[in-house]
Amino acid sequence: MGGNQTRITEVTLLGFQVDSALEFFLFGLFSLFYTLTLLGNGVILGLICLDSRLHTPMYFFLSHLAIIDMSYASNNVPKIMVDCPTKPKNDFERERWPSRHH
């Protein structure tokens, strides 16, 4: 008994099945939240660095949390924003975008 020898070579995440107008709205919304996340964490880091009263262990860990939050947001959100309005959702749309998929 050899069992199932099937290999998965590609996984397609369908995401939201919405029209293109809503995808562009979501793109704008995600970019707004991404910008606010970076600005908010940047303000936290700036205040902690500038005010000597905030050089305590609690604010040390808070500054590291802000850096981690900015790193995760900068890693994941741009990938989502690139795939949101441009990636075909299924095989029928893939035929319209032949240059995007090799």
PDB file of N, CA and C in Angstrom:
ATOM      1  N   MET A   1       0.842  -1.185   0.000  1.00  0.00           N
ATOM      2  CA  MET A   1       0.000   0.000   0.000  1.00  0.00           C
ATOM      3  C   MET A   1       0.879   1.237   0.000  1.00  0.00           C
ATOM      4  N   GLY A   2       0.876   1.915  -1.118  1.00  0.00           N
ATOM      5  CA  GLY A   2       1.688   3.106  -1.253  1.00  0.00           C
ATOM      6  C   GLY A   2       1.026   4.348  -0.689  1.00  0.00           C
ATOM      7  N   GLY A   3      -0.268   4.352  -0.596  1.00  0.00           N
ATOM      8  CA  GLY A   3      -0.962   5.525  -0.094  1.00  0.00           C
ATOM      9  C   GLY A   3      -1.118   6.589  -1.174  1.00  0.00           C
ATOM     10  N   ASN A   4      -1.568   7.713  -0.795  1.00  0.00           N
ATOM     11  CA  ASN A   4      -1.794   8.821  -1.712  1.00  0.00           C
ATOM     12  C   ASN A   4      -0.467   9.523  -1.997  1.00  0.00           C
ATOM     13  N   GLN A   5      -0.110   9.644  -3.250  1.00  0.00           N
ATOM     14  CA  GLN A   5       1.152  10.275  -3.648  1.00  0.00           C
ATOM     15  C   GLN A   5       0.931  11.644  -4.295  1.00  0.00           C
ATOM     16  N   THR A   6      -0.182  12.273  -4.030  1.00  0.00           N
ATOM     17  CA  THR A   6      -0.500  13.566  -4.623  1.00  0.00           C
ATOM     18  C   THR A   6       0.362  14.654  -4.001  1.00  0.00           C
ATOM     19  N   ARG A   7       0.912  15.517  -4.846  1.00  0.00           N
ATOM     20  CA  ARG A   7       1.713  16.642  -4.365  1.00  0.00           C
ATOM     21  C   ARG A   7       0.992  17.945  -4.691  1.00  0.00           C
ATOM     22  N   ILE A   8       0.946  18.819  -3.731  1.00  0.00           N
ATOM     23  CA  ILE A   8       0.334  20.128  -3.930  1.00  0.00           C
ATOM     24  C   ILE A   8       1.426  21.083  -4.377  1.00  0.00           C
ATOM     25  N   THR A   9       1.239  21.702  -5.537  1.00  0.00           N
ATOM     26  CA  THR A   9       2.245  22.626  -6.054  1.00  0.00           C
ATOM     27  C   THR A   9       1.809  24.081  -5.961  1.00  0.00           C
ATOM     28  N   GLU A  10       0.521  24.320  -5.798  1.00  0.00           N
ATOM     29  CA  GLU A  10       0.037  25.697  -5.747  1.00  0.00           C
ATOM     30  C   GLU A  10      -1.190  25.771  -4.865  1.00  0.00           C
ATOM     31  N   VAL A  11      -1.235  26.784  -4.026  1.00  0.00           N
ATOM     32  CA  VAL A  11      -2.389  27.039  -3.178  1.00  0.00           C
ATOM     33  C   VAL A  11      -2.890  28.428  -3.515  1.00  0.00           C
ATOM     34  N   THR A  12      -4.171  28.545  -3.814  1.00  0.00           N
ATOM     35  CA  THR A  12      -4.759  29.834  -4.151  1.00  0.00           C
ATOM     36  C   THR A  12      -5.716  30.249  -3.044  1.00  0.00           C
ATOM     37  N   LEU A  13      -5.421  31.374  -2.410  1.00  0.00           N
ATOM     38  CA  LEU A  13      -6.323  31.932  -1.420  1.00  0.00           C
ATOM     39  C   LEU A  13      -7.302  32.850  -2.141  1.00  0.00           C
ATOM     40  N   LEU A  14      -8.563  32.592  -1.983  1.00  0.00           N
ATOM     41  CA  LEU A  14      -9.556  33.349  -2.729  1.00  0.00           C
ATOM     42  C   LEU A  14      -9.803  34.729  -2.149  1.00  0.00           C
ATOM     43  N   GLY A  15      -9.684  34.874  -0.841  1.00  0.00           N
ATOM     44  CA  GLY A  15      -9.922  36.182  -0.249  1.00  0.00           C
ATOM     45  C   GLY A  15     -11.372  36.603  -0.376  1.00  0.00           C
ATOM     46  N   PHE A  16     -11.589  37.893  -0.524  1.00  0.00           N
ATOM     47  CA  PHE A  16     -12.936  38.424  -0.661  1.00  0.00           C
ATOM     48  C   PHE A  16     -13.391  38.274  -2.108  1.00  0.00           C
ATOM     49  N   GLN A  17     -14.570  37.761  -2.310  1.00  0.00           N
ATOM     50  CA  GLN A  17     -15.154  37.678  -3.644  1.00  0.00           C
ATOM     51  C   GLN A  17     -16.058  38.889  -3.846  1.00  0.00           C
ATOM     52  N   VAL A  18     -15.437  40.013  -4.176  1.00  0.00           N
ATOM     53  CA  VAL A  18     -16.168  41.264  -4.318  1.00  0.00           C
ATOM     54  C   VAL A  18     -15.824  41.899  -5.652  1.00  0.00           C
ATOM     55  N   ASP A  19     -16.585  42.917  -6.022  1.00  0.00           N
ATOM     56  CA  ASP A  19     -16.319  43.596  -7.286  1.00  0.00           C
ATOM     57  C   ASP A  19     -15.105  44.519  -7.158  1.00  0.00           C
ATOM     58  N   SER A  20     -14.641  45.003  -8.285  1.00  0.00           N
ATOM     59  CA  SER A  20     -13.391  45.774  -8.299  1.00  0.00           C
ATOM     60  C   SER A  20     -13.533  47.122  -7.586  1.00  0.00           C
ATOM     61  N   ALA A  21     -14.712  47.720  -7.595  1.00  0.00           N
ATOM     62  CA  ALA A  21     -14.892  48.999  -6.901  1.00  0.00           C
ATOM     63  C   ALA A  21     -14.688  48.827  -5.390  1.00  0.00           C
ATOM     64  N   LEU A  22     -15.218  47.748  -4.856  1.00  0.00           N
ATOM     65  CA  LEU A  22     -15.037  47.492  -3.425  1.00  0.00           C
ATOM     66  C   LEU A  22     -13.595  47.118  -3.116  1.00  0.00           C
ATOM     67  N   GLU A  23     -12.918  46.428  -4.049  1.00  0.00           N
ATOM     68  CA  GLU A  23     -11.506  46.110  -3.849  1.00  0.00           C
ATOM     69  C   GLU A  23     -10.655  47.377  -3.761  1.00  0.00           C
ATOM     70  N   PHE A  24     -10.936  48.359  -4.594  1.00  0.00           N
ATOM     71  CA  PHE A  24     -10.182  49.614  -4.530  1.00  0.00           C
ATOM     72  C   PHE A  24     -10.505  50.393  -3.261  1.00  0.00           C
ATOM     73  N   PHE A  25     -11.746  50.302  -2.803  1.00  0.00           N
ATOM     74  CA  PHE A  25     -12.099  50.920  -1.523  1.00  0.00           C
ATOM     75  C   PHE A  25     -11.326  50.253  -0.386  1.00  0.00           C
ATOM     76  N   LEU A  26     -11.276  48.914  -0.395  1.00  0.00           N
ATOM     77  CA  LEU A  26     -10.527  48.191   0.628  1.00  0.00           C
ATOM     78  C   LEU A  26      -9.040  48.506   0.542  1.00  0.00           C
ATOM     79  N   PHE A  27      -8.519  48.673  -0.684  1.00  0.00           N
ATOM     80  CA  PHE A  27      -7.123  49.051  -0.869  1.00  0.00           C
ATOM     81  C   PHE A  27      -6.842  50.392  -0.199  1.00  0.00           C
ATOM     82  N   GLY A  28      -7.717  51.359  -0.402  1.00  0.00           N
ATOM     83  CA  GLY A  28      -7.561  52.670   0.237  1.00  0.00           C
ATOM     84  C   GLY A  28      -7.681  52.590   1.745  1.00  0.00           C
ATOM     85  N   LEU A  29      -8.616  51.767   2.223  1.00  0.00           N
ATOM     86  CA  LEU A  29      -8.807  51.600   3.656  1.00  0.00           C
ATOM     87  C   LEU A  29      -7.581  50.949   4.301  1.00  0.00           C
ATOM     88  N   PHE A  30      -7.053  49.893   3.670  1.00  0.00           N
ATOM     89  CA  PHE A  30      -5.852  49.236   4.195  1.00  0.00           C
ATOM     90  C   PHE A  30      -4.660  50.177   4.185  1.00  0.00           C
ATOM     91  N   SER A  31      -4.528  50.978   3.131  1.00  0.00           N
ATOM     92  CA  SER A  31      -3.397  51.907   3.076  1.00  0.00           C
ATOM     93  C   SER A  31      -3.538  53.000   4.141  1.00  0.00           C
ATOM     94  N   LEU A  32      -4.758  53.436   4.424  1.00  0.00           N
ATOM     95  CA  LEU A  32      -4.980  54.410   5.494  1.00  0.00           C
ATOM     96  C   LEU A  32      -4.600  53.826   6.849  1.00  0.00           C
ATOM     97  N   PHE A  33      -5.065  52.606   7.130  1.00  0.00           N
ATOM     98  CA  PHE A  33      -4.732  51.964   8.401  1.00  0.00           C
ATOM     99  C   PHE A  33      -3.238  51.699   8.521  1.00  0.00           C
ATOM    100  N   TYR A  34      -2.606  51.337   7.415  1.00  0.00           N
ATOM    101  CA  TYR A  34      -1.156  51.091   7.417  1.00  0.00           C
ATOM    102  C   TYR A  34      -0.406  52.379   7.741  1.00  0.00           C
ATOM    103  N   THR A  35      -0.812  53.469   7.115  1.00  0.00           N
ATOM    104  CA  THR A  35      -0.177  54.762   7.373  1.00  0.00           C
ATOM    105  C   THR A  35      -0.376  55.197   8.817  1.00  0.00           C
ATOM    106  N   LEU A  36      -1.592  55.029   9.331  1.00  0.00           N
ATOM    107  CA  LEU A  36      -1.853  55.403  10.725  1.00  0.00           C
ATOM    108  C   LEU A  36      -1.066  54.537  11.701  1.00  0.00           C
ATOM    109  N   THR A  37      -0.897  53.259  11.383  1.00  0.00           N
ATOM    110  CA  THR A  37      -0.103  52.373  12.233  1.00  0.00           C
ATOM    111  C   THR A  37       1.348  52.825  12.290  1.00  0.00           C
ATOM    112  N   LEU A  38       1.911  53.131  11.117  1.00  0.00           N
ATOM    113  CA  LEU A  38       3.306  53.582  11.096  1.00  0.00           C
ATOM    114  C   LEU A  38       3.472  54.928  11.792  1.00  0.00           C
ATOM    115  N   LEU A  39       2.548  55.852  11.558  1.00  0.00           N
ATOM    116  CA  LEU A  39       2.650  57.166  12.208  1.00  0.00           C
ATOM    117  C   LEU A  39       2.484  57.067  13.721  1.00  0.00           C
ATOM    118  N   GLY A  40       1.510  56.296  14.170  1.00  0.00           N
ATOM    119  CA  GLY A  40       1.269  56.156  15.606  1.00  0.00           C
ATOM    120  C   GLY A  40       2.449  55.533  16.322  1.00  0.00           C
ATOM    121  N   ASN A  41       2.987  54.468  15.745  1.00  0.00           N
ATOM    122  CA  ASN A  41       4.142  53.836  16.377  1.00  0.00           C
ATOM    123  C   ASN A  41       5.383  54.711  16.284  1.00  0.00           C
ATOM    124  N   GLY A  42       5.507  55.473  15.215  1.00  0.00           N
ATOM    125  CA  GLY A  42       6.617  56.416  15.111  1.00  0.00           C
ATOM    126  C   GLY A  42       6.533  57.508  16.160  1.00  0.00           C
ATOM    127  N   VAL A  43       5.335  57.989  16.430  1.00  0.00           N
ATOM    128  CA  VAL A  43       5.149  59.002  17.481  1.00  0.00           C
ATOM    129  C   VAL A  43       5.516  58.415  18.841  1.00  0.00           C
ATOM    130  N   ILE A  44       5.089  57.176  19.096  1.00  0.00           N
ATOM    131  CA  ILE A  44       5.436  56.528  20.364  1.00  0.00           C
ATOM    132  C   ILE A  44       6.946  56.427  20.518  1.00  0.00           C
ATOM    133  N   LEU A  45       7.618  55.972  19.465  1.00  0.00           N
ATOM    134  CA  LEU A  45       9.081  55.854  19.523  1.00  0.00           C
ATOM    135  C   LEU A  45       9.752  57.212  19.706  1.00  0.00           C
ATOM    136  N   GLY A  46       9.264  58.203  18.981  1.00  0.00           N
ATOM    137  CA  GLY A  46       9.848  59.539  19.092  1.00  0.00           C
ATOM    138  C   GLY A  46       9.693  60.126  20.480  1.00  0.00           C
ATOM    139  N   LEU A  47       8.515  59.999  21.070  1.00  0.00           N
ATOM    140  CA  LEU A  47       8.291  60.537  22.417  1.00  0.00           C
ATOM    141  C   LEU A  47       9.136  59.829  23.457  1.00  0.00           C
ATOM    142  N   ILE A  48       9.264  58.505  23.317  1.00  0.00           N
ATOM    143  CA  ILE A  48      10.066  57.760  24.283  1.00  0.00           C
ATOM    144  C   ILE A  48      11.535  58.165  24.188  1.00  0.00           C
ATOM    145  N   CYS A  49      12.014  58.377  22.975  1.00  0.00           N
ATOM    146  CA  CYS A  49      13.421  58.764  22.798  1.00  0.00           C
ATOM    147  C   CYS A  49      13.682  60.198  23.267  1.00  0.00           C
ATOM    148  N   LEU A  50      12.731  61.100  23.063  1.00  0.00           N
ATOM    149  CA  LEU A  50      12.958  62.512  23.363  1.00  0.00           C
ATOM    150  C   LEU A  50      12.778  62.873  24.836  1.00  0.00           C
ATOM    151  N   ASP A  51      11.873  62.212  25.526  1.00  0.00           N
ATOM    152  CA  ASP A  51      11.587  62.565  26.918  1.00  0.00           C
ATOM    153  C   ASP A  51      12.378  61.655  27.856  1.00  0.00           C
ATOM    154  N   SER A  52      13.266  62.225  28.634  1.00  0.00           N
ATOM    155  CA  SER A  52      14.117  61.422  29.520  1.00  0.00           C
ATOM    156  C   SER A  52      13.323  60.776  30.661  1.00  0.00           C
ATOM    157  N   ARG A  53      12.153  61.320  30.985  1.00  0.00           N
ATOM    158  CA  ARG A  53      11.330  60.704  32.033  1.00  0.00           C
ATOM    159  C   ARG A  53      10.742  59.377  31.583  1.00  0.00           C
ATOM    160  N   LEU A  54      10.749  59.140  30.264  1.00  0.00           N
ATOM    161  CA  LEU A  54      10.192  57.896  29.736  1.00  0.00           C
ATOM    162  C   LEU A  54      11.258  56.825  29.521  1.00  0.00           C
ATOM    163  N   HIS A  55      12.448  57.036  30.064  1.00  0.00           N
ATOM    164  CA  HIS A  55      13.513  56.042  29.942  1.00  0.00           C
ATOM    165  C   HIS A  55      13.457  55.073  31.127  1.00  0.00           C
ATOM    166  N   THR A  56      12.317  54.393  31.227  1.00  0.00           N
ATOM    167  CA  THR A  56      12.096  53.399  32.274  1.00  0.00           C
ATOM    168  C   THR A  56      11.851  52.053  31.602  1.00  0.00           C
ATOM    169  N   PRO A  57      11.920  50.956  32.367  1.00  0.00           N
ATOM    170  CA  PRO A  57      11.736  49.633  31.747  1.00  0.00           C
ATOM    171  C   PRO A  57      10.401  49.466  31.021  1.00  0.00           C
ATOM    172  N   MET A  58       9.324  50.053  31.568  1.00  0.00           N
ATOM    173  CA  MET A  58       8.028  49.906  30.916  1.00  0.00           C
ATOM    174  C   MET A  58       8.050  50.526  29.519  1.00  0.00           C
ATOM    175  N   TYR A  59       8.614  51.698  29.390  1.00  0.00           N
ATOM    176  CA  TYR A  59       8.658  52.363  28.091  1.00  0.00           C
ATOM    177  C   TYR A  59       9.708  51.749  27.170  1.00  0.00           C
ATOM    178  N   PHE A  60      10.727  51.127  27.751  1.00  0.00           N
ATOM    179  CA  PHE A  60      11.688  50.370  26.953  1.00  0.00           C
ATOM    180  C   PHE A  60      10.970  49.234  26.231  1.00  0.00           C
ATOM    181  N   PHE A  61      10.157  48.490  26.961  1.00  0.00           N
ATOM    182  CA  PHE A  61       9.415  47.389  26.341  1.00  0.00           C
ATOM    183  C   PHE A  61       8.334  47.909  25.400  1.00  0.00           C
ATOM    184  N   LEU A  62       7.716  49.027  25.723  1.00  0.00           N
ATOM    185  CA  LEU A  62       6.726  49.626  24.837  1.00  0.00           C
ATOM    186  C   LEU A  62       7.356  50.050  23.513  1.00  0.00           C
ATOM    187  N   SER A  63       8.572  50.579  23.573  1.00  0.00           N
ATOM    188  CA  SER A  63       9.249  50.976  22.331  1.00  0.00           C
ATOM    189  C   SER A  63       9.571  49.751  21.476  1.00  0.00           C
ATOM    190  N   HIS A  64       9.955  48.663  22.112  1.00  0.00           N
ATOM    191  CA  HIS A  64      10.208  47.444  21.344  1.00  0.00           C
ATOM    192  C   HIS A  64       8.921  46.876  20.759  1.00  0.00           C
ATOM    193  N   LEU A  65       7.830  46.990  21.494  1.00  0.00           N
ATOM    194  CA  LEU A  65       6.542  46.559  20.956  1.00  0.00           C
ATOM    195  C   LEU A  65       6.153  47.407  19.747  1.00  0.00           C
ATOM    196  N   ALA A  66       6.418  48.694  19.788  1.00  0.00           N
ATOM    197  CA  ALA A  66       6.126  49.571  18.652  1.00  0.00           C
ATOM    198  C   ALA A  66       6.973  49.185  17.443  1.00  0.00           C
ATOM    199  N   ILE A  67       8.237  48.851  17.672  1.00  0.00           N
ATOM    200  CA  ILE A  67       9.112  48.429  16.564  1.00  0.00           C
ATOM    201  C   ILE A  67       8.614  47.131  15.955  1.00  0.00           C
ATOM    202  N   ILE A  68       8.217  46.183  16.793  1.00  0.00           N
ATOM    203  CA  ILE A  68       7.700  44.904  16.290  1.00  0.00           C
ATOM    204  C   ILE A  68       6.407  45.121  15.518  1.00  0.00           C
ATOM    205  N   ASP A  69       5.546  45.987  16.021  1.00  0.00           N
ATOM    206  CA  ASP A  69       4.287  46.276  15.333  1.00  0.00           C
ATOM    207  C   ASP A  69       4.539  46.895  13.962  1.00  0.00           C
ATOM    208  N   MET A  70       5.483  47.813  13.889  1.00  0.00           N
ATOM    209  CA  MET A  70       5.827  48.424  12.606  1.00  0.00           C
ATOM    210  C   MET A  70       6.437  47.392  11.655  1.00  0.00           C
ATOM    211  N   SER A  71       7.228  46.482  12.196  1.00  0.00           N
ATOM    212  CA  SER A  71       7.847  45.447  11.358  1.00  0.00           C
ATOM    213  C   SER A  71       6.806  44.493  10.790  1.00  0.00           C
ATOM    214  N   TYR A  72       5.894  44.016  11.631  1.00  0.00           N
ATOM    215  CA  TYR A  72       4.854  43.112  11.137  1.00  0.00           C
ATOM    216  C   TYR A  72       3.957  43.803  10.122  1.00  0.00           C
ATOM    217  N   ALA A  73       3.584  45.040  10.407  1.00  0.00           N
ATOM    218  CA  ALA A  73       2.735  45.774   9.465  1.00  0.00           C
ATOM    219  C   ALA A  73       3.465  45.997   8.147  1.00  0.00           C
ATOM    220  N   SER A  74       4.747  46.303   8.204  1.00  0.00           N
ATOM    221  CA  SER A  74       5.503  46.552   6.975  1.00  0.00           C
ATOM    222  C   SER A  74       5.787  45.273   6.204  1.00  0.00           C
ATOM    223  N   ASN A  75       5.686  44.146   6.848  1.00  0.00           N
ATOM    224  CA  ASN A  75       5.893  42.884   6.161  1.00  0.00           C
ATOM    225  C   ASN A  75       4.614  42.378   5.511  1.00  0.00           C
ATOM    226  N   ASN A  76       3.499  42.467   6.196  1.00  0.00           N
ATOM    227  CA  ASN A  76       2.272  41.825   5.731  1.00  0.00           C
ATOM    228  C   ASN A  76       1.359  42.730   4.913  1.00  0.00           C
ATOM    229  N   VAL A  77       1.155  43.949   5.347  1.00  0.00           N
ATOM    230  CA  VAL A  77       0.172  44.815   4.699  1.00  0.00           C
ATOM    231  C   VAL A  77       0.535  45.141   3.249  1.00  0.00           C
ATOM    232  N   PRO A  78       1.789  45.463   2.917  1.00  0.00           N
ATOM    233  CA  PRO A  78       2.082  45.719   1.499  1.00  0.00           C
ATOM    234  C   PRO A  78       1.817  44.512   0.594  1.00  0.00           C
ATOM    235  N   LYS A  79       2.047  43.299   1.098  1.00  0.00           N
ATOM    236  CA  LYS A  79       1.739  42.103   0.308  1.00  0.00           C
ATOM    237  C   LYS A  79       0.241  42.002   0.047  1.00  0.00           C
ATOM    238  N   ILE A  80      -0.547  42.284   1.068  1.00  0.00           N
ATOM    239  CA  ILE A  80      -1.997  42.247   0.913  1.00  0.00           C
ATOM    240  C   ILE A  80      -2.453  43.316  -0.076  1.00  0.00           C
ATOM    241  N   MET A  81      -1.858  44.510   0.021  1.00  0.00           N
ATOM    242  CA  MET A  81      -2.265  45.612  -0.844  1.00  0.00           C
ATOM    243  C   MET A  81      -1.893  45.359  -2.296  1.00  0.00           C
ATOM    244  N   VAL A  82      -0.795  44.664  -2.544  1.00  0.00           N
ATOM    245  CA  VAL A  82      -0.415  44.351  -3.925  1.00  0.00           C
ATOM    246  C   VAL A  82      -1.368  43.330  -4.510  1.00  0.00           C
ATOM    247  N   ASP A  83      -1.741  42.321  -3.729  1.00  0.00           N
ATOM    248  CA  ASP A  83      -2.598  41.261  -4.237  1.00  0.00           C
ATOM    249  C   ASP A  83      -4.063  41.659  -4.316  1.00  0.00           C
ATOM    250  N   CYS A  84      -4.483  42.634  -3.550  1.00  0.00           N
ATOM    251  CA  CYS A  84      -5.909  42.976  -3.467  1.00  0.00           C
ATOM    252  C   CYS A  84      -6.509  43.395  -4.808  1.00  0.00           C
ATOM    253  N   PRO A  85      -6.055  44.438  -5.469  1.00  0.00           N
ATOM    254  CA  PRO A  85      -6.752  44.841  -6.694  1.00  0.00           C
ATOM    255  C   PRO A  85      -6.213  44.198  -7.972  1.00  0.00           C
ATOM    256  N   THR A  86      -5.082  43.482  -7.944  1.00  0.00           N
ATOM    257  CA  THR A  86      -4.484  43.037  -9.191  1.00  0.00           C
ATOM    258  C   THR A  86      -4.480  41.539  -9.400  1.00  0.00           C
ATOM    259  N   LYS A  87      -4.639  40.744  -8.362  1.00  0.00           N
ATOM    260  CA  LYS A  87      -4.490  39.302  -8.498  1.00  0.00           C
ATOM    261  C   LYS A  87      -5.803  38.663  -8.951  1.00  0.00           C
ATOM    262  N   PRO A  88      -5.751  37.819  -9.992  1.00  0.00           N
ATOM    263  CA  PRO A  88      -6.958  37.110 -10.411  1.00  0.00           C
ATOM    264  C   PRO A  88      -7.422  36.155  -9.321  1.00  0.00           C
ATOM    265  N   LYS A  89      -8.730  36.019  -9.148  1.00  0.00           N
ATOM    266  CA  LYS A  89      -9.275  35.215  -8.068  1.00  0.00           C
ATOM    267  C   LYS A  89      -9.506  33.759  -8.453  1.00  0.00           C
ATOM    268  N   ASN A  90      -9.623  33.468  -9.736  1.00  0.00           N
ATOM    269  CA  ASN A  90      -9.900  32.097 -10.132  1.00  0.00           C
ATOM    270  C   ASN A  90      -9.320  31.828 -11.519  1.00  0.00           C
ATOM    271  N   ASP A  91      -9.536  30.630 -12.041  1.00  0.00           N
ATOM    272  CA  ASP A  91      -8.955  30.248 -13.326  1.00  0.00           C
ATOM    273  C   ASP A  91      -9.546  31.044 -14.490  1.00  0.00           C
ATOM    274  N   PHE A  92     -10.805  31.461 -14.391  1.00  0.00           N
ATOM    275  CA  PHE A  92     -11.404  32.229 -15.473  1.00  0.00           C
ATOM    276  C   PHE A  92     -10.757  33.601 -15.595  1.00  0.00           C
ATOM    277  N   GLU A  93     -10.480  34.241 -14.470  1.00  0.00           N
ATOM    278  CA  GLU A  93      -9.793  35.540 -14.496  1.00  0.00           C
ATOM    279  C   GLU A  93      -8.332  35.377 -14.892  1.00  0.00           C
ATOM    280  N   ARG A  94      -7.747  34.221 -14.593  1.00  0.00           N
ATOM    281  CA  ARG A  94      -6.350  33.984 -14.914  1.00  0.00           C
ATOM    282  C   ARG A  94      -6.114  34.033 -16.418  1.00  0.00           C
ATOM    283  N   GLU A  95      -7.128  33.655 -17.198  1.00  0.00           N
ATOM    284  CA  GLU A  95      -7.006  33.707 -18.654  1.00  0.00           C
ATOM    285  C   GLU A  95      -6.899  35.148 -19.145  1.00  0.00           C
ATOM    286  N   ARG A  96      -7.495  36.090 -18.421  1.00  0.00           N
ATOM    287  CA  ARG A  96      -7.418  37.494 -18.811  1.00  0.00           C
ATOM    288  C   ARG A  96      -6.097  38.124 -18.422  1.00  0.00           C
ATOM    289  N   TRP A  97      -5.326  37.514 -17.525  1.00  0.00           N
ATOM    290  CA  TRP A  97      -4.077  38.063 -17.018  1.00  0.00           C
ATOM    291  C   TRP A  97      -2.923  37.105 -17.317  1.00  0.00           C
ATOM    292  N   PRO A  98      -2.676  36.720 -18.543  1.00  0.00           N
ATOM    293  CA  PRO A  98      -1.656  35.690 -18.790  1.00  0.00           C
ATOM    294  C   PRO A  98      -0.242  36.138 -18.454  1.00  0.00           C
ATOM    295  N   SER A  99       0.052  37.413 -18.539  1.00  0.00           N
ATOM    296  CA  SER A  99       1.429  37.858 -18.288  1.00  0.00           C
ATOM    297  C   SER A  99       1.775  37.868 -16.811  1.00  0.00           C
ATOM    298  N   ARG A 100       0.790  37.858 -15.929  1.00  0.00           N
ATOM    299  CA  ARG A 100       1.046  37.906 -14.496  1.00  0.00           C
ATOM    300  C   ARG A 100       1.432  36.543 -13.930  1.00  0.00           C
ATOM    301  N   HIS A 101       1.031  35.461 -14.585  1.00  0.00           N
ATOM    302  CA  HIS A 101       1.266  34.122 -14.048  1.00  0.00           C
ATOM    303  C   HIS A 101       2.110  33.334 -15.023  1.00  0.00           C
ATOM    304  N   HIS A 102       3.254  32.882 -14.559  1.00  0.00           N
ATOM    305  CA  HIS A 102       4.173  32.153 -15.421  1.00  0.00           C
ATOM    306  C   HIS A 102       4.039  30.675 -15.219  1.00  0.00           C
TER     307      HIS A 102
END
